[in-house]
PDB file of all heavy atoms in Angstrom:
ATOM      1  N   THR A   1     -20.287   8.404  -3.105  1.00  0.00           N
ATOM      2  CA  THR A   1     -20.700   7.670  -1.917  1.00  0.00           C
ATOM      3  C   THR A   1     -21.695   6.591  -2.341  1.00  0.00           C
ATOM      4  O   THR A   1     -22.157   6.568  -3.489  1.00  0.00           O
ATOM      5  CB  THR A   1     -21.393   8.604  -0.901  1.00  0.00           C
ATOM      6  OG1 THR A   1     -22.604   9.097  -1.473  1.00  0.00           O
ATOM      7  CG2 THR A   1     -20.495   9.754  -0.500  1.00  0.00           C
ATOM      8  N   SER A   2     -22.045   5.707  -1.420  1.00  0.00           N
ATOM      9  CA  SER A   2     -23.015   4.663  -1.746  1.00  0.00           C
ATOM     10  C   SER A   2     -24.379   5.256  -2.093  1.00  0.00           C
ATOM     11  O   SER A   2     -25.162   4.648  -2.803  1.00  0.00           O
ATOM     12  CB  SER A   2     -23.140   3.679  -0.582  1.00  0.00           C
ATOM     13  OG  SER A   2     -23.520   4.365   0.589  1.00  0.00           O
ATOM     14  N   GLY A   3     -24.653   6.474  -1.612  1.00  0.00           N
ATOM     15  CA  GLY A   3     -25.912   7.148  -1.927  1.00  0.00           C
ATOM     16  C   GLY A   3     -25.874   7.915  -3.239  1.00  0.00           C
ATOM     17  O   GLY A   3     -26.860   8.516  -3.644  1.00  0.00           O
ATOM     18  N   GLY A   4     -24.718   7.936  -3.915  1.00  0.00           N
ATOM     19  CA  GLY A   4     -24.611   8.585  -5.214  1.00  0.00           C
ATOM     20  C   GLY A   4     -24.060   9.996  -5.190  1.00  0.00           C
ATOM     21  O   GLY A   4     -23.976  10.647  -6.229  1.00  0.00           O
ATOM     22  N   LEU A   5     -23.695  10.502  -4.021  1.00  0.00           N
ATOM     23  CA  LEU A   5     -23.118  11.844  -3.946  1.00  0.00           C
ATOM     24  C   LEU A   5     -21.682  11.822  -4.443  1.00  0.00           C
ATOM     25  O   LEU A   5     -20.917  10.925  -4.120  1.00  0.00           O
ATOM     26  CB  LEU A   5     -23.146  12.362  -2.510  1.00  0.00           C
ATOM     27  CG  LEU A   5     -24.526  12.558  -1.883  1.00  0.00           C
ATOM     28  CD1 LEU A   5     -24.382  12.924  -0.423  1.00  0.00           C
ATOM     29  CD2 LEU A   5     -25.309  13.613  -2.628  1.00  0.00           C
ATOM     30  N   ILE A   6     -21.311  12.831  -5.208  1.00  0.00           N
ATOM     31  CA  ILE A   6     -19.943  12.931  -5.723  1.00  0.00           C
ATOM     32  C   ILE A   6     -19.069  13.611  -4.682  1.00  0.00           C
ATOM     33  O   ILE A   6     -19.420  14.667  -4.156  1.00  0.00           O
ATOM     34  CB  ILE A   6     -19.905  13.711  -7.053  1.00  0.00           C
ATOM     35  CG1 ILE A   6     -20.694  12.939  -8.114  1.00  0.00           C
ATOM     36  CG2 ILE A   6     -18.471  13.951  -7.502  1.00  0.00           C
ATOM     37  CD1 ILE A   6     -20.848  13.661  -9.421  1.00  0.00           C
ATOM     38  N   ILE A   7     -17.912  12.983  -4.388  1.00  0.00           N
ATOM     39  CA  ILE A   7     -16.981  13.524  -3.399  1.00  0.00           C
ATOM     40  C   ILE A   7     -15.936  14.370  -4.120  1.00  0.00           C
ATOM     41  O   ILE A   7     -15.231  13.867  -4.990  1.00  0.00           O
ATOM     42  CB  ILE A   7     -16.283  12.386  -2.633  1.00  0.00           C
ATOM     43  CG1 ILE A   7     -17.322  11.478  -1.976  1.00  0.00           C
ATOM     44  CG2 ILE A   7     -15.317  12.947  -1.601  1.00  0.00           C
ATOM     45  CD1 ILE A   7     -16.745  10.192  -1.424  1.00  0.00           C
ATOM     46  N   PRO A   8     -15.810  15.667  -3.780  1.00  0.00           N
ATOM     47  CA  PRO A   8     -14.791  16.500  -4.439  1.00  0.00           C
ATOM     48  C   PRO A   8     -13.379  16.076  -4.015  1.00  0.00           C
ATOM     49  O   PRO A   8     -13.188  15.509  -2.945  1.00  0.00           O
ATOM     50  CB  PRO A   8     -15.109  17.916  -3.947  1.00  0.00           C
ATOM     51  CG  PRO A   8     -15.890  17.729  -2.702  1.00  0.00           C
ATOM     52  CD  PRO A   8     -16.605  16.413  -2.816  1.00  0.00           C
ATOM     53  N   ASP A   9     -12.402  16.360  -4.872  1.00  0.00           N
ATOM     54  CA  ASP A   9     -11.012  15.976  -4.602  1.00  0.00           C
ATOM     55  C   ASP A   9     -10.509  16.510  -3.270  1.00  0.00           C
ATOM     56  O   ASP A   9      -9.740  15.847  -2.586  1.00  0.00           O
ATOM     57  CB  ASP A   9     -10.088  16.475  -5.722  1.00  0.00           C
ATOM     58  CG  ASP A   9     -10.275  15.673  -7.009  1.00  0.00           C
ATOM     59  OD1 ASP A   9     -10.817  14.551  -6.926  1.00  0.00           O
ATOM     60  OD2 ASP A   9      -9.881  16.177  -8.073  1.00  0.00           O
ATOM     61  N   THR A  10     -10.942  17.698  -2.884  1.00  0.00           N
ATOM     62  CA  THR A  10     -10.461  18.308  -1.643  1.00  0.00           C
ATOM     63  C   THR A  10     -10.964  17.586  -0.406  1.00  0.00           C
ATOM     64  O   THR A  10     -10.373  17.699   0.662  1.00  0.00           O
ATOM     65  CB  THR A  10     -10.874  19.787  -1.562  1.00  0.00           C
ATOM     66  OG1 THR A  10     -12.294  19.874  -1.713  1.00  0.00           O
ATOM     67  CG2 THR A  10     -10.188  20.605  -2.641  1.00  0.00           C
ATOM     68  N   ALA A  11     -12.057  16.837  -0.517  1.00  0.00           N
ATOM     69  CA  ALA A  11     -12.638  16.131   0.629  1.00  0.00           C
ATOM     70  C   ALA A  11     -12.254  14.655   0.669  1.00  0.00           C
ATOM     71  O   ALA A  11     -12.538  13.972   1.642  1.00  0.00           O
ATOM     72  CB  ALA A  11     -14.155  16.261   0.599  1.00  0.00           C
ATOM     73  N   LYS A  12     -11.611  14.173  -0.386  1.00  0.00           N
ATOM     74  CA  LYS A  12     -11.243  12.755  -0.454  1.00  0.00           C
ATOM     75  C   LYS A  12     -10.055  12.457   0.437  1.00  0.00           C
ATOM     76  O   LYS A  12      -9.127  13.259   0.544  1.00  0.00           O
ATOM     77  CB  LYS A  12     -10.843  12.372  -1.883  1.00  0.00           C
ATOM     78  CG  LYS A  12     -11.975  12.190  -2.823  1.00  0.00           C
ATOM     79  CD  LYS A  12     -11.413  11.661  -4.129  1.00  0.00           C
ATOM     80  CE  LYS A  12     -12.353  11.850  -5.265  1.00  0.00           C
ATOM     81  NZ  LYS A  12     -11.749  11.461  -6.533  1.00  0.00           N
ATOM     82  N   GLU A  13     -10.078  11.284   1.047  1.00  0.00           N
ATOM     83  CA  GLU A  13      -8.898  10.798   1.760  1.00  0.00           C
ATOM     84  C   GLU A  13      -8.065  10.009   0.766  1.00  0.00           C
ATOM     85  O   GLU A  13      -8.587   9.446  -0.196  1.00  0.00           O
ATOM     86  CB  GLU A  13      -9.313   9.891   2.917  1.00  0.00           C
ATOM     87  CG  GLU A  13      -9.903  10.650   4.075  1.00  0.00           C
ATOM     88  CD  GLU A  13     -10.038   9.780   5.309  1.00  0.00           C
ATOM     89  OE1 GLU A  13      -9.382   8.726   5.380  1.00  0.00           O
ATOM     90  OE2 GLU A  13     -10.809  10.165   6.185  1.00  0.00           O
ATOM     91  N   LYS A  14      -6.768   9.957   1.000  1.00  0.00           N
ATOM     92  CA  LYS A  14      -5.914   9.173   0.130  1.00  0.00           C
ATOM     93  C   LYS A  14      -6.253   7.706   0.318  1.00  0.00           C
ATOM     94  O   LYS A  14      -6.507   7.257   1.437  1.00  0.00           O
ATOM     95  CB  LYS A  14      -4.446   9.420   0.450  1.00  0.00           C
ATOM     96  CG  LYS A  14      -4.001  10.804   0.051  1.00  0.00           C
ATOM     97  CD  LYS A  14      -2.525  10.963   0.200  1.00  0.00           C
ATOM     98  CE  LYS A  14      -2.088  12.327  -0.272  1.00  0.00           C
ATOM     99  NZ  LYS A  14      -0.672  12.533  -0.126  1.00  0.00           N
ATOM    100  N   PRO A  15      -6.274   6.947  -0.769  1.00  0.00           N
ATOM    101  CA  PRO A  15      -6.630   5.536  -0.658  1.00  0.00           C
ATOM    102  C   PRO A  15      -5.597   4.751   0.145  1.00  0.00           C
ATOM    103  O   PRO A  15      -4.415   5.082   0.149  1.00  0.00           O
ATOM    104  CB  PRO A  15      -6.676   5.051  -2.107  1.00  0.00           C
ATOM    105  CG  PRO A  15      -5.996   6.085  -2.912  1.00  0.00           C
ATOM    106  CD  PRO A  15      -5.997   7.351  -2.131  1.00  0.00           C
ATOM    107  N   GLN A  16      -6.072   3.732   0.839  1.00  0.00           N
ATOM    108  CA  GLN A  16      -5.206   2.859   1.617  1.00  0.00           C
ATOM    109  C   GLN A  16      -5.081   1.507   0.929  1.00  0.00           C
ATOM    110  O   GLN A  16      -4.801   0.503   1.564  1.00  0.00           O
ATOM    111  CB  GLN A  16      -5.769   2.705   3.025  1.00  0.00           C
ATOM    112  CG  GLN A  16      -5.729   3.998   3.808  1.00  0.00           C
ATOM    113  CD  GLN A  16      -6.437   3.859   5.115  1.00  0.00           C
ATOM    114  OE1 GLN A  16      -7.606   4.199   5.237  1.00  0.00           O
ATOM    115  NE2 GLN A  16      -5.743   3.344   6.100  1.00  0.00           N
ATOM    116  N   GLU A  17      -5.294   1.518  -0.363  1.00  0.00           N
ATOM    117  CA  GLU A  17      -5.210   0.310  -1.167  1.00  0.00           C
ATOM    118  C   GLU A  17      -4.212   0.576  -2.285  1.00  0.00           C
ATOM    119  O   GLU A  17      -4.130   1.687  -2.793  1.00  0.00           O
ATOM    120  CB  GLU A  17      -6.592   0.008  -1.752  1.00  0.00           C
ATOM    121  CG  GLU A  17      -6.690  -1.278  -2.492  1.00  0.00           C
ATOM    122  CD  GLU A  17      -8.117  -1.518  -2.980  1.00  0.00           C
ATOM    123  OE1 GLU A  17      -9.082  -1.072  -2.328  1.00  0.00           O
ATOM    124  OE2 GLU A  17      -8.243  -2.148  -4.038  1.00  0.00           O
ATOM    125  N   GLY A  18      -3.441  -0.435  -2.639  1.00  0.00           N
ATOM    126  CA  GLY A  18      -2.456  -0.238  -3.691  1.00  0.00           C
ATOM    127  C   GLY A  18      -2.048  -1.522  -4.366  1.00  0.00           C
ATOM    128  O   GLY A  18      -2.457  -2.617  -3.968  1.00  0.00           O
ATOM    129  N   GLU A  19      -1.247  -1.355  -5.409  1.00  0.00           N
ATOM    130  CA  GLU A  19      -0.692  -2.488  -6.148  1.00  0.00           C
ATOM    131  C   GLU A  19       0.823  -2.434  -6.010  1.00  0.00           C
ATOM    132  O   GLU A  19       1.426  -1.378  -6.201  1.00  0.00           O
ATOM    133  CB  GLU A  19      -1.081  -2.404  -7.616  1.00  0.00           C
ATOM    134  CG  GLU A  19      -0.493  -3.516  -8.446  1.00  0.00           C
ATOM    135  CD  GLU A  19      -0.793  -3.367  -9.930  1.00  0.00           C
ATOM    136  OE1 GLU A  19      -1.493  -2.418 -10.323  1.00  0.00           O
ATOM    137  OE2 GLU A  19      -0.293  -4.194 -10.693  1.00  0.00           O
ATOM    138  N   ILE A  20       1.419  -3.561  -5.689  1.00  0.00           N
ATOM    139  CA  ILE A  20       2.873  -3.612  -5.539  1.00  0.00           C
ATOM    140  C   ILE A  20       3.518  -3.594  -6.921  1.00  0.00           C
ATOM    141  O   ILE A  20       3.180  -4.393  -7.791  1.00  0.00           O
ATOM    142  CB  ILE A  20       3.302  -4.863  -4.753  1.00  0.00           C
ATOM    143  CG1 ILE A  20       2.753  -4.775  -3.334  1.00  0.00           C
ATOM    144  CG2 ILE A  20       4.824  -5.005  -4.750  1.00  0.00           C
ATOM    145  CD1 ILE A  20       3.117  -5.929  -2.445  1.00  0.00           C
ATOM    146  N   VAL A  21       4.443  -2.657  -7.101  1.00  0.00           N
ATOM    147  CA  VAL A  21       5.153  -2.492  -8.364  1.00  0.00           C
ATOM    148  C   VAL A  21       6.463  -3.279  -8.340  1.00  0.00           C
ATOM    149  O   VAL A  21       6.827  -3.921  -9.317  1.00  0.00           O
ATOM    150  CB  VAL A  21       5.428  -0.996  -8.636  1.00  0.00           C
ATOM    151  CG1 VAL A  21       6.233  -0.804  -9.901  1.00  0.00           C
ATOM    152  CG2 VAL A  21       4.121  -0.215  -8.694  1.00  0.00           C
ATOM    153  N   ALA A  22       7.170  -3.225  -7.210  1.00  0.00           N
ATOM    154  CA  ALA A  22       8.454  -3.930  -7.076  1.00  0.00           C
ATOM    155  C   ALA A  22       8.691  -4.278  -5.613  1.00  0.00           C
ATOM    156  O   ALA A  22       8.185  -3.600  -4.725  1.00  0.00           O
ATOM    157  CB  ALA A  22       9.596  -3.053  -7.597  1.00  0.00           C
ATOM    158  N   VAL A  23       9.454  -5.346  -5.372  1.00  0.00           N
ATOM    159  CA  VAL A  23       9.775  -5.768  -4.002  1.00  0.00           C
ATOM    160  C   VAL A  23      11.278  -5.927  -3.851  1.00  0.00           C
ATOM    161  O   VAL A  23      11.985  -6.235  -4.813  1.00  0.00           O
ATOM    162  CB  VAL A  23       9.088  -7.096  -3.618  1.00  0.00           C
ATOM    163  CG1 VAL A  23       7.589  -6.958  -3.624  1.00  0.00           C
ATOM    164  CG2 VAL A  23       9.505  -8.227  -4.522  1.00  0.00           C
ATOM    165  N   GLY A  24      11.750  -5.707  -2.626  1.00  0.00           N
ATOM    166  CA  GLY A  24      13.157  -5.926  -2.315  1.00  0.00           C
ATOM    167  C   GLY A  24      13.441  -7.415  -2.159  1.00  0.00           C
ATOM    168  O   GLY A  24      12.536  -8.257  -2.227  1.00  0.00           O
ATOM    169  N   ALA A  25      14.686  -7.743  -1.903  1.00  0.00           N
ATOM    170  CA  ALA A  25      15.108  -9.149  -1.785  1.00  0.00           C
ATOM    171  C   ALA A  25      14.712  -9.757  -0.447  1.00  0.00           C
ATOM    172  O   ALA A  25      14.719 -10.974  -0.288  1.00  0.00           O
ATOM    173  CB  ALA A  25      16.618  -9.246  -1.974  1.00  0.00           C
ATOM    174  N   GLY A  26      14.345  -8.942   0.526  1.00  0.00           N
ATOM    175  CA  GLY A  26      13.977  -9.436   1.852  1.00  0.00           C
ATOM    176  C   GLY A  26      15.033  -9.065   2.876  1.00  0.00           C
ATOM    177  O   GLY A  26      16.203  -8.857   2.547  1.00  0.00           O
ATOM    178  N   ALA A  27      14.616  -9.004   4.121  1.00  0.00           N
ATOM    179  CA  ALA A  27      15.536  -8.672   5.215  1.00  0.00           C
ATOM    180  C   ALA A  27      16.431  -9.872   5.507  1.00  0.00           C
ATOM    181  O   ALA A  27      16.183 -10.981   5.031  1.00  0.00           O
ATOM    182  CB  ALA A  27      14.736  -8.294   6.455  1.00  0.00           C
ATOM    183  N   LYS A  28      17.463  -9.651   6.295  1.00  0.00           N
ATOM    184  CA  LYS A  28      18.344 -10.736   6.719  1.00  0.00           C
ATOM    185  C   LYS A  28      18.101 -11.016   8.198  1.00  0.00           C
ATOM    186  O   LYS A  28      17.894 -10.097   8.982  1.00  0.00           O
ATOM    187  CB  LYS A  28      19.806 -10.375   6.482  1.00  0.00           C
ATOM    188  CG  LYS A  28      20.165 -10.319   5.016  1.00  0.00           C
ATOM    189  CD  LYS A  28      21.647 -10.138   4.824  1.00  0.00           C
ATOM    190  CE  LYS A  28      21.979 -10.151   3.335  1.00  0.00           C
ATOM    191  NZ  LYS A  28      23.407 -10.065   3.105  1.00  0.00           N
ATOM    192  N   ASP A  29      18.136 -12.294   8.572  1.00  0.00           N
ATOM    193  CA  ASP A  29      17.974 -12.641   9.986  1.00  0.00           C
ATOM    194  C   ASP A  29      19.316 -12.539  10.703  1.00  0.00           C
ATOM    195  O   ASP A  29      20.314 -12.105  10.120  1.00  0.00           O
ATOM    196  CB  ASP A  29      17.331 -14.030  10.136  1.00  0.00           C
ATOM    197  CG  ASP A  29      18.184 -15.152   9.574  1.00  0.00           C
ATOM    198  OD1 ASP A  29      19.392 -14.947   9.317  1.00  0.00           O
ATOM    199  OD2 ASP A  29      17.648 -16.266   9.407  1.00  0.00           O
ATOM    200  N   GLU A  30      19.351 -12.939  11.957  1.00  0.00           N
ATOM    201  CA  GLU A  30      20.565 -12.801  12.769  1.00  0.00           C
ATOM    202  C   GLU A  30      21.744 -13.611  12.235  1.00  0.00           C
ATOM    203  O   GLU A  30      22.899 -13.277  12.483  1.00  0.00           O
ATOM    204  CB  GLU A  30      20.265 -13.202  14.213  1.00  0.00           C
ATOM    205  CG  GLU A  30      19.336 -12.244  14.911  1.00  0.00           C
ATOM    206  CD  GLU A  30      18.996 -12.686  16.319  1.00  0.00           C
ATOM    207  OE1 GLU A  30      19.583 -13.667  16.813  1.00  0.00           O
ATOM    208  OE2 GLU A  30      18.127 -12.039  16.925  1.00  0.00           O
ATOM    209  N   ASP A  31      21.455 -14.692  11.500  1.00  0.00           N
ATOM    210  CA  ASP A  31      22.512 -15.524  10.926  1.00  0.00           C
ATOM    211  C   ASP A  31      22.962 -15.033   9.553  1.00  0.00           C
ATOM    212  O   ASP A  31      23.850 -15.628   8.948  1.00  0.00           O
ATOM    213  CB  ASP A  31      22.030 -16.978  10.809  1.00  0.00           C
ATOM    214  CG  ASP A  31      21.709 -17.582  12.169  1.00  0.00           C
ATOM    215  OD1 ASP A  31      22.392 -17.216  13.152  1.00  0.00           O
ATOM    216  OD2 ASP A  31      20.775 -18.399  12.249  1.00  0.00           O
ATOM    217  N   GLY A  32      22.319 -13.978   9.033  1.00  0.00           N
ATOM    218  CA  GLY A  32      22.682 -13.450   7.726  1.00  0.00           C
ATOM    219  C   GLY A  32      21.932 -14.091   6.578  1.00  0.00           C
ATOM    220  O   GLY A  32      22.205 -13.810   5.422  1.00  0.00           O
ATOM    221  N   ASP A  33      20.964 -14.967   6.886  1.00  0.00           N
ATOM    222  CA  ASP A  33      20.158 -15.608   5.844  1.00  0.00           C
ATOM    223  C   ASP A  33      18.998 -14.702   5.457  1.00  0.00           C
ATOM    224  O   ASP A  33      18.426 -14.012   6.296  1.00  0.00           O
ATOM    225  CB  ASP A  33      19.610 -16.956   6.340  1.00  0.00           C
ATOM    226  CG  ASP A  33      20.725 -17.941   6.664  1.00  0.00           C
ATOM    227  OD1 ASP A  33      21.745 -17.932   5.949  1.00  0.00           O
ATOM    228  OD2 ASP A  33      20.560 -18.707   7.638  1.00  0.00           O
ATOM    229  N   ARG A  34      18.638 -14.710   4.168  1.00  0.00           N
ATOM    230  CA  ARG A  34      17.522 -13.898   3.680  1.00  0.00           C
ATOM    231  C   ARG A  34      16.195 -14.462   4.173  1.00  0.00           C
ATOM    232  O   ARG A  34      15.965 -15.656   4.149  1.00  0.00           O
ATOM    233  CB  ARG A  34      17.460 -13.908   2.152  1.00  0.00           C
ATOM    234  CG  ARG A  34      18.447 -13.041   1.486  1.00  0.00           C
ATOM    235  CD  ARG A  34      17.936 -11.633   1.284  1.00  0.00           C
ATOM    236  NE  ARG A  34      19.019 -10.896   0.665  1.00  0.00           N
ATOM    237  CZ  ARG A  34      19.315  -9.654   0.913  1.00  0.00           C
ATOM    238  NH1 ARG A  34      18.576  -8.957   1.711  1.00  0.00           N
ATOM    239  NH2 ARG A  34      20.339  -9.088   0.350  1.00  0.00           N
ATOM    240  N   VAL A  35      15.330 -13.572   4.596  1.00  0.00           N
ATOM    241  CA  VAL A  35      13.966 -13.933   4.958  1.00  0.00           C
ATOM    242  C   VAL A  35      13.103 -13.593   3.748  1.00  0.00           C
ATOM    243  O   VAL A  35      13.044 -12.435   3.328  1.00  0.00           O
ATOM    244  CB  VAL A  35      13.485 -13.145   6.198  1.00  0.00           C
ATOM    245  CG1 VAL A  35      12.042 -13.477   6.520  1.00  0.00           C
ATOM    246  CG2 VAL A  35      14.398 -13.420   7.380  1.00  0.00           C
ATOM    247  N   ALA A  36      12.458 -14.602   3.166  1.00  0.00           N
ATOM    248  CA  ALA A  36      11.674 -14.406   1.945  1.00  0.00           C
ATOM    249  C   ALA A  36      10.509 -13.452   2.191  1.00  0.00           C
ATOM    250  O   ALA A  36       9.913 -13.431   3.269  1.00  0.00           O
ATOM    251  CB  ALA A  36      11.141 -15.744   1.451  1.00  0.00           C
TER     252      ALA A  36
END
């Protein structure tokens, strides 16, 4: 914590931050064109 207390694994929340490893090609719109 900011006060220096160590948080045990059982009390930690899963992080909501990440790094993208791979991306899909994108969805298709109504005309069948790819949306980047």
